[in-house]
N, C-alpha and C. Protein backbone atom coordinates (compact mmCIF):
# COMPACT_ATOMS: atom_id res chain seq x y z
N MET A 1 -8.69 -4.83 -9.27
CA MET A 1 -7.67 -4.72 -8.25
C MET A 1 -8.15 -3.81 -7.12
N GLN A 2 -7.66 -4.10 -5.95
CA GLN A 2 -7.88 -3.27 -4.77
C GLN A 2 -6.55 -2.61 -4.44
N TYR A 3 -6.55 -1.34 -4.11
CA TYR A 3 -5.33 -0.61 -3.82
C TYR A 3 -5.42 -0.03 -2.41
N TYR A 4 -4.56 -0.50 -1.54
CA TYR A 4 -4.48 0.01 -0.17
C TYR A 4 -3.39 1.07 -0.19
N GLN A 5 -3.81 2.33 -0.03
CA GLN A 5 -2.90 3.48 -0.11
C GLN A 5 -2.55 3.94 1.30
N MET A 6 -1.27 4.17 1.54
CA MET A 6 -0.81 4.67 2.84
C MET A 6 0.07 5.89 2.60
N TRP A 7 -0.19 6.96 3.33
CA TRP A 7 0.63 8.17 3.27
C TRP A 7 1.20 8.41 4.66
N PHE A 8 2.44 8.88 4.73
CA PHE A 8 3.08 9.07 6.03
C PHE A 8 4.37 9.86 5.87
N ASN A 9 4.89 10.26 7.01
CA ASN A 9 6.22 10.86 7.10
C ASN A 9 7.10 9.91 7.88
N LEU A 10 8.40 10.12 7.79
CA LEU A 10 9.33 9.35 8.61
C LEU A 10 9.63 10.13 9.88
N ILE A 11 9.81 9.42 10.95
CA ILE A 11 10.20 10.05 12.21
C ILE A 11 11.56 10.71 12.05
N ASP A 12 12.47 10.03 11.35
CA ASP A 12 13.81 10.54 11.10
C ASP A 12 14.12 10.36 9.62
N SER A 13 13.98 11.41 8.82
CA SER A 13 14.15 11.30 7.37
C SER A 13 15.58 10.95 6.95
N ARG A 14 16.54 11.06 7.88
CA ARG A 14 17.91 10.67 7.54
C ARG A 14 18.03 9.16 7.40
N ARG A 15 17.02 8.43 7.84
CA ARG A 15 17.02 6.96 7.75
C ARG A 15 16.19 6.47 6.57
N ASP A 16 16.04 7.31 5.55
CA ASP A 16 15.16 6.99 4.43
C ASP A 16 15.55 5.72 3.68
N LEU A 17 16.83 5.50 3.45
CA LEU A 17 17.24 4.29 2.73
C LEU A 17 17.09 3.04 3.59
N GLU A 18 17.33 3.16 4.88
CA GLU A 18 17.09 2.06 5.80
C GLU A 18 15.60 1.70 5.79
N PHE A 19 14.76 2.73 5.80
CA PHE A 19 13.32 2.51 5.76
C PHE A 19 12.92 1.81 4.46
N ALA A 20 13.42 2.28 3.33
CA ALA A 20 13.09 1.68 2.04
C ALA A 20 13.48 0.20 2.01
N GLY A 21 14.62 -0.14 2.59
CA GLY A 21 15.04 -1.53 2.65
C GLY A 21 14.12 -2.36 3.53
N ALA A 22 13.69 -1.79 4.64
CA ALA A 22 12.77 -2.50 5.54
C ALA A 22 11.42 -2.74 4.86
N VAL A 23 10.94 -1.74 4.12
CA VAL A 23 9.67 -1.90 3.39
C VAL A 23 9.81 -3.00 2.35
N ALA A 24 10.92 -3.00 1.62
CA ALA A 24 11.15 -4.03 0.59
C ALA A 24 11.15 -5.43 1.20
N ALA A 25 11.81 -5.59 2.34
CA ALA A 25 11.85 -6.90 2.98
C ALA A 25 10.46 -7.33 3.44
N TYR A 26 9.73 -6.41 4.05
CA TYR A 26 8.39 -6.71 4.57
C TYR A 26 7.40 -7.01 3.45
N MET A 27 7.34 -6.13 2.46
CA MET A 27 6.40 -6.34 1.36
C MET A 27 6.79 -7.56 0.52
N GLY A 28 8.09 -7.78 0.37
CA GLY A 28 8.54 -8.97 -0.35
C GLY A 28 8.08 -10.24 0.35
N HIS A 29 8.10 -10.23 1.66
CA HIS A 29 7.62 -11.37 2.44
C HIS A 29 6.12 -11.59 2.20
N LEU A 30 5.34 -10.51 2.26
CA LEU A 30 3.89 -10.63 2.04
C LEU A 30 3.60 -11.13 0.62
N LYS A 31 4.34 -10.62 -0.34
CA LYS A 31 4.13 -11.05 -1.73
C LYS A 31 4.53 -12.52 -1.89
N GLY A 32 5.65 -12.91 -1.29
CA GLY A 32 6.09 -14.30 -1.36
C GLY A 32 5.11 -15.27 -0.72
N GLN A 33 4.35 -14.80 0.26
CA GLN A 33 3.33 -15.61 0.92
C GLN A 33 2.00 -15.61 0.15
N GLY A 34 1.95 -14.84 -0.95
CA GLY A 34 0.71 -14.74 -1.73
C GLY A 34 -0.34 -13.87 -1.08
N LYS A 35 0.05 -13.05 -0.11
CA LYS A 35 -0.91 -12.20 0.61
C LYS A 35 -1.20 -10.91 -0.14
N ILE A 36 -0.29 -10.49 -1.02
CA ILE A 36 -0.50 -9.30 -1.86
C ILE A 36 0.00 -9.62 -3.26
N GLU A 37 -0.46 -8.86 -4.23
CA GLU A 37 -0.01 -9.03 -5.61
C GLU A 37 1.23 -8.19 -5.90
N GLY A 38 1.31 -7.02 -5.27
CA GLY A 38 2.45 -6.14 -5.51
C GLY A 38 2.39 -4.92 -4.62
N TRP A 39 3.41 -4.08 -4.75
CA TRP A 39 3.50 -2.88 -3.92
C TRP A 39 4.44 -1.89 -4.59
N ARG A 40 4.36 -0.64 -4.14
CA ARG A 40 5.26 0.41 -4.62
C ARG A 40 5.42 1.45 -3.52
N LEU A 41 6.65 1.88 -3.31
CA LEU A 41 6.95 2.96 -2.37
C LEU A 41 7.38 4.17 -3.18
N THR A 42 6.73 5.31 -2.93
CA THR A 42 7.09 6.54 -3.63
C THR A 42 7.30 7.65 -2.61
N ARG A 43 8.01 8.69 -3.08
CA ARG A 43 8.31 9.83 -2.21
C ARG A 43 7.93 11.10 -2.96
N ARG A 44 7.35 12.02 -2.24
CA ARG A 44 6.95 13.31 -2.81
C ARG A 44 8.16 13.98 -3.46
N LYS A 45 7.94 14.60 -4.60
CA LYS A 45 9.02 15.25 -5.33
C LYS A 45 8.87 16.77 -5.24
N PHE A 46 9.94 17.44 -4.92
CA PHE A 46 9.99 18.91 -4.84
C PHE A 46 8.96 19.48 -3.87
N GLY A 47 8.49 18.68 -2.92
CA GLY A 47 7.52 19.15 -1.95
C GLY A 47 6.11 19.32 -2.51
N PHE A 48 5.88 18.86 -3.76
CA PHE A 48 4.55 19.00 -4.35
C PHE A 48 3.59 17.98 -3.75
N GLY A 49 2.39 18.42 -3.40
CA GLY A 49 1.36 17.53 -2.88
C GLY A 49 0.54 18.22 -1.82
N PRO A 50 -0.62 17.66 -1.51
CA PRO A 50 -1.48 18.24 -0.48
C PRO A 50 -0.79 18.24 0.87
N ASP A 51 -0.99 19.29 1.64
CA ASP A 51 -0.36 19.41 2.95
C ASP A 51 -0.71 18.26 3.88
N GLY A 52 -1.92 17.78 3.82
CA GLY A 52 -2.38 16.76 4.76
C GLY A 52 -1.79 15.37 4.53
N LEU A 53 -1.21 15.15 3.35
CA LEU A 53 -0.62 13.84 3.08
C LEU A 53 0.87 13.88 3.38
N GLY A 54 1.42 12.76 3.73
CA GLY A 54 2.83 12.69 4.08
C GLY A 54 3.75 12.78 2.88
N GLU A 55 5.02 12.78 3.19
CA GLU A 55 6.06 12.83 2.16
C GLU A 55 6.17 11.52 1.39
N PHE A 56 5.77 10.42 2.03
CA PHE A 56 5.87 9.10 1.41
C PHE A 56 4.49 8.52 1.14
N ASN A 57 4.43 7.66 0.12
CA ASN A 57 3.22 6.91 -0.20
C ASN A 57 3.64 5.48 -0.45
N CYS A 58 2.90 4.55 0.12
CA CYS A 58 3.09 3.14 -0.18
C CYS A 58 1.75 2.63 -0.68
N THR A 59 1.76 2.02 -1.86
CA THR A 59 0.56 1.44 -2.43
C THR A 59 0.74 -0.07 -2.48
N VAL A 60 -0.23 -0.78 -1.96
CA VAL A 60 -0.25 -2.24 -1.99
C VAL A 60 -1.47 -2.65 -2.80
N TRP A 61 -1.31 -3.60 -3.71
CA TRP A 61 -2.48 -4.04 -4.46
C TRP A 61 -2.71 -5.53 -4.31
N THR A 62 -4.02 -5.85 -4.28
CA THR A 62 -4.48 -7.23 -4.15
C THR A 62 -5.57 -7.46 -5.19
N THR A 63 -5.82 -8.72 -5.50
CA THR A 63 -6.83 -9.02 -6.51
C THR A 63 -8.24 -8.70 -6.04
N ASP A 64 -8.46 -8.87 -4.73
CA ASP A 64 -9.79 -8.62 -4.18
C ASP A 64 -9.68 -8.33 -2.69
N LEU A 65 -10.80 -8.01 -2.09
CA LEU A 65 -10.80 -7.70 -0.65
C LEU A 65 -10.49 -8.93 0.20
N ALA A 66 -10.82 -10.11 -0.29
CA ALA A 66 -10.52 -11.33 0.47
C ALA A 66 -9.01 -11.50 0.61
N GLN A 67 -8.26 -11.25 -0.45
CA GLN A 67 -6.80 -11.35 -0.37
C GLN A 67 -6.25 -10.29 0.58
N LEU A 68 -6.76 -9.08 0.51
CA LEU A 68 -6.32 -8.03 1.43
C LEU A 68 -6.64 -8.41 2.88
N ASP A 69 -7.79 -9.00 3.10
CA ASP A 69 -8.17 -9.43 4.44
C ASP A 69 -7.22 -10.52 4.95
N ARG A 70 -6.81 -11.43 4.08
CA ARG A 70 -5.85 -12.47 4.48
C ARG A 70 -4.51 -11.84 4.85
N ALA A 71 -4.11 -10.80 4.13
CA ALA A 71 -2.87 -10.09 4.48
C ALA A 71 -3.00 -9.46 5.86
N PHE A 72 -4.12 -8.78 6.11
CA PHE A 72 -4.34 -8.17 7.42
C PHE A 72 -4.39 -9.24 8.52
N ASP A 73 -4.99 -10.40 8.23
CA ASP A 73 -5.03 -11.48 9.22
C ASP A 73 -3.62 -11.91 9.61
N LEU A 74 -2.74 -12.04 8.63
CA LEU A 74 -1.36 -12.45 8.92
C LEU A 74 -0.63 -11.37 9.72
N VAL A 75 -0.72 -10.13 9.27
CA VAL A 75 0.00 -9.04 9.94
C VAL A 75 -0.51 -8.85 11.36
N SER A 76 -1.81 -9.01 11.57
CA SER A 76 -2.39 -8.76 12.90
C SER A 76 -1.99 -9.80 13.94
N THR A 77 -1.36 -10.89 13.53
CA THR A 77 -0.88 -11.86 14.52
C THR A 77 0.22 -11.25 15.39
N ARG A 78 0.93 -10.24 14.85
CA ARG A 78 2.04 -9.58 15.55
C ARG A 78 3.01 -10.61 16.09
N ALA A 79 3.30 -11.64 15.28
CA ALA A 79 4.17 -12.72 15.73
C ALA A 79 5.03 -13.23 14.58
N GLY A 80 6.09 -13.91 14.95
CA GLY A 80 6.91 -14.61 13.97
C GLY A 80 7.63 -13.70 13.00
N GLU A 81 7.89 -14.26 11.84
CA GLU A 81 8.65 -13.56 10.80
C GLU A 81 7.97 -12.28 10.32
N VAL A 82 6.65 -12.32 10.19
CA VAL A 82 5.95 -11.13 9.70
C VAL A 82 6.11 -9.97 10.68
N GLU A 83 6.09 -10.23 11.98
CA GLU A 83 6.27 -9.15 12.95
C GLU A 83 7.73 -8.68 12.96
N ARG A 84 8.67 -9.60 12.80
CA ARG A 84 10.08 -9.21 12.75
C ARG A 84 10.32 -8.24 11.59
N LEU A 85 9.63 -8.45 10.48
CA LEU A 85 9.78 -7.58 9.31
C LEU A 85 8.92 -6.33 9.39
N HIS A 86 7.77 -6.42 10.04
CA HIS A 86 6.85 -5.28 10.12
C HIS A 86 7.31 -4.23 11.13
N ALA A 87 7.84 -4.67 12.26
CA ALA A 87 8.22 -3.75 13.33
C ALA A 87 9.17 -2.64 12.89
N PRO A 88 10.21 -2.91 12.11
CA PRO A 88 11.09 -1.81 11.69
C PRO A 88 10.37 -0.80 10.79
N VAL A 89 9.35 -1.25 10.07
CA VAL A 89 8.61 -0.34 9.19
C VAL A 89 7.72 0.58 10.02
N TYR A 90 6.83 0.02 10.82
CA TYR A 90 5.89 0.89 11.55
C TYR A 90 6.57 1.71 12.62
N SER A 91 7.71 1.28 13.11
CA SER A 91 8.39 2.06 14.14
C SER A 91 9.09 3.30 13.59
N MET A 92 9.18 3.42 12.27
CA MET A 92 9.86 4.56 11.65
C MET A 92 8.90 5.60 11.08
N VAL A 93 7.58 5.34 11.14
CA VAL A 93 6.64 6.26 10.51
C VAL A 93 5.83 7.06 11.52
N LYS A 94 5.35 8.21 11.07
CA LYS A 94 4.43 9.04 11.84
C LYS A 94 3.44 9.66 10.86
N ASP A 95 2.40 10.27 11.36
CA ASP A 95 1.39 10.96 10.54
C ASP A 95 0.76 10.02 9.52
N PHE A 96 0.48 8.79 9.93
CA PHE A 96 -0.05 7.76 9.03
C PHE A 96 -1.50 8.04 8.64
N LYS A 97 -1.78 7.90 7.35
CA LYS A 97 -3.14 7.99 6.81
C LYS A 97 -3.29 6.87 5.79
N ALA A 98 -4.49 6.32 5.66
CA ALA A 98 -4.70 5.22 4.72
C ALA A 98 -6.05 5.36 4.02
N ALA A 99 -6.14 4.74 2.86
CA ALA A 99 -7.38 4.72 2.09
C ALA A 99 -7.40 3.45 1.24
N LEU A 100 -8.58 3.09 0.80
CA LEU A 100 -8.74 1.91 -0.05
C LEU A 100 -9.40 2.35 -1.35
N PHE A 101 -8.79 2.01 -2.48
CA PHE A 101 -9.30 2.33 -3.80
C PHE A 101 -9.47 1.06 -4.61
N ARG A 102 -10.21 1.15 -5.71
CA ARG A 102 -10.39 0.01 -6.62
C ARG A 102 -10.31 0.53 -8.05
N ASP A 103 -10.04 -0.39 -8.97
CA ASP A 103 -10.12 -0.02 -10.38
C ASP A 103 -11.55 0.37 -10.69
N PHE A 104 -11.70 1.33 -11.58
CA PHE A 104 -13.04 1.77 -11.95
C PHE A 104 -13.08 2.04 -13.45
N PRO A 105 -14.13 1.70 -14.14
CA PRO A 105 -15.30 1.00 -13.61
C PRO A 105 -14.97 -0.43 -13.23
N ASP A 106 -15.73 -0.94 -12.28
CA ASP A 106 -15.55 -2.32 -11.85
C ASP A 106 -15.79 -3.26 -13.04
N PRO A 107 -15.04 -4.37 -13.12
CA PRO A 107 -15.21 -5.27 -14.27
C PRO A 107 -16.63 -5.82 -14.40
N GLN A 108 -17.34 -5.97 -13.29
CA GLN A 108 -18.69 -6.52 -13.34
C GLN A 108 -19.76 -5.46 -13.58
N ARG A 109 -19.35 -4.21 -13.64
CA ARG A 109 -20.31 -3.10 -13.80
C ARG A 109 -21.02 -3.19 -15.14
N GLN A 110 -22.33 -3.09 -15.09
CA GLN A 110 -23.16 -3.10 -16.30
C GLN A 110 -23.32 -1.68 -16.79
N ALA A 111 -22.96 -1.44 -18.03
CA ALA A 111 -23.11 -0.10 -18.62
C ALA A 111 -24.54 0.08 -19.13
N ALA A 112 -25.03 1.28 -19.00
CA ALA A 112 -26.35 1.59 -19.57
C ALA A 112 -26.26 1.48 -21.07
N SER A 113 -27.33 1.04 -21.72
CA SER A 113 -27.27 0.90 -23.17
C SER A 113 -26.96 2.24 -23.82
N GLY A 114 -26.08 2.17 -24.78
CA GLY A 114 -25.66 3.38 -25.49
C GLY A 114 -24.46 4.06 -24.86
N SER A 115 -24.01 3.59 -23.69
CA SER A 115 -22.84 4.20 -23.04
C SER A 115 -21.57 3.66 -23.66
N ALA A 116 -20.61 4.54 -23.83
CA ALA A 116 -19.31 4.13 -24.37
C ALA A 116 -18.47 3.54 -23.27
N ALA A 117 -17.65 2.56 -23.61
CA ALA A 117 -16.73 1.97 -22.63
C ALA A 117 -15.62 2.97 -22.32
N LEU A 118 -15.16 2.95 -21.07
CA LEU A 118 -14.08 3.84 -20.64
C LEU A 118 -12.78 3.05 -20.64
N SER A 119 -11.70 3.72 -21.00
CA SER A 119 -10.42 3.06 -20.98
C SER A 119 -9.34 4.08 -20.69
N GLY A 120 -8.33 3.67 -19.90
CA GLY A 120 -7.23 4.55 -19.59
C GLY A 120 -6.07 4.34 -20.53
N SER A 121 -6.21 3.43 -21.50
CA SER A 121 -5.09 3.20 -22.42
C SER A 121 -5.43 3.53 -23.84
């Protein structure tokens, strides 16, 4: 899996539930189009977290970079239904930061002989 991580603050935190609804509509549209596999919106708890990251985190996951690229291709049109759903989301955020992560070790990774397999479960 590929994980597109976004951290940000809201311009007006009093609109947090409106924002959450807008994210759900937008991400639901992308998922319904097969452009992403899933997503999650989280909020910092008790102010814990690095200063440089925002109060909110949105994680989007795709099976591979090609699927993520297709999602970006659709969003970058800035037209139609996807723009109608995207505009309320990006217009409410500030201090945006993003990163791309992947599951590790990669499924195709060859382990050196004698190395133990790693597992998170």
